[in-house]
């Protein structure tokens, strides 16, 4: 986004609001504790739904994306793993959450097993986190936001892809087992649409 010689990367709503000099509060609605709980539930739901995808769909492409279901289901969990790496001091680059699955991950069960491991690691991270206010700054490709904001982004980004997995199941006439509800998404800035146009 630019105006004259000034510009903003527009990766965070806060940056856009500041750039446009709007009087709008875009800080996270949910507390860090609520986000950690919500992310745990979203990862649990993701693991359950991924196991429901028919194996013959592994290499199917997503609507309007050059991404297979194999890559998407891995990415759902990789988002949180990248967050954990960033919490350990690694810069959260744009490439970090999109690291592809390893060659041995060739089934949806393997993706879910990986997801279960990531969920356990996220829970341990939260339990062992000394400063649960999450006000510490993190190095990311879009600046140095507070951990609270990066946790929110991690949570809604994961939720958005879990919404997509539900739609994948529906297009294959599979009834999603306890998908995310409206209440699960409440307070998260998820896009209105499930798929990009």
Foldseek 3Di string as FASTA:
>chain_A
DDDVPDDAPPPDVVRVCVVVVHPDDPAFPDALVVLLVLLLVLLVLLLQLLQQQDLVQQQPDDPPDPDGPVQLLLLLQQLLVLLVVQVVPDEAEPCRSRDGDDPVSRGSNSSSVVSVVSSVVSVVCCVPPPDRNQQAWTHYPRGTHGRSVSSLVSSQVSLLSLVVSCVSCVVVVHHRDPGDDPVSCPRHPHDPDSDDD
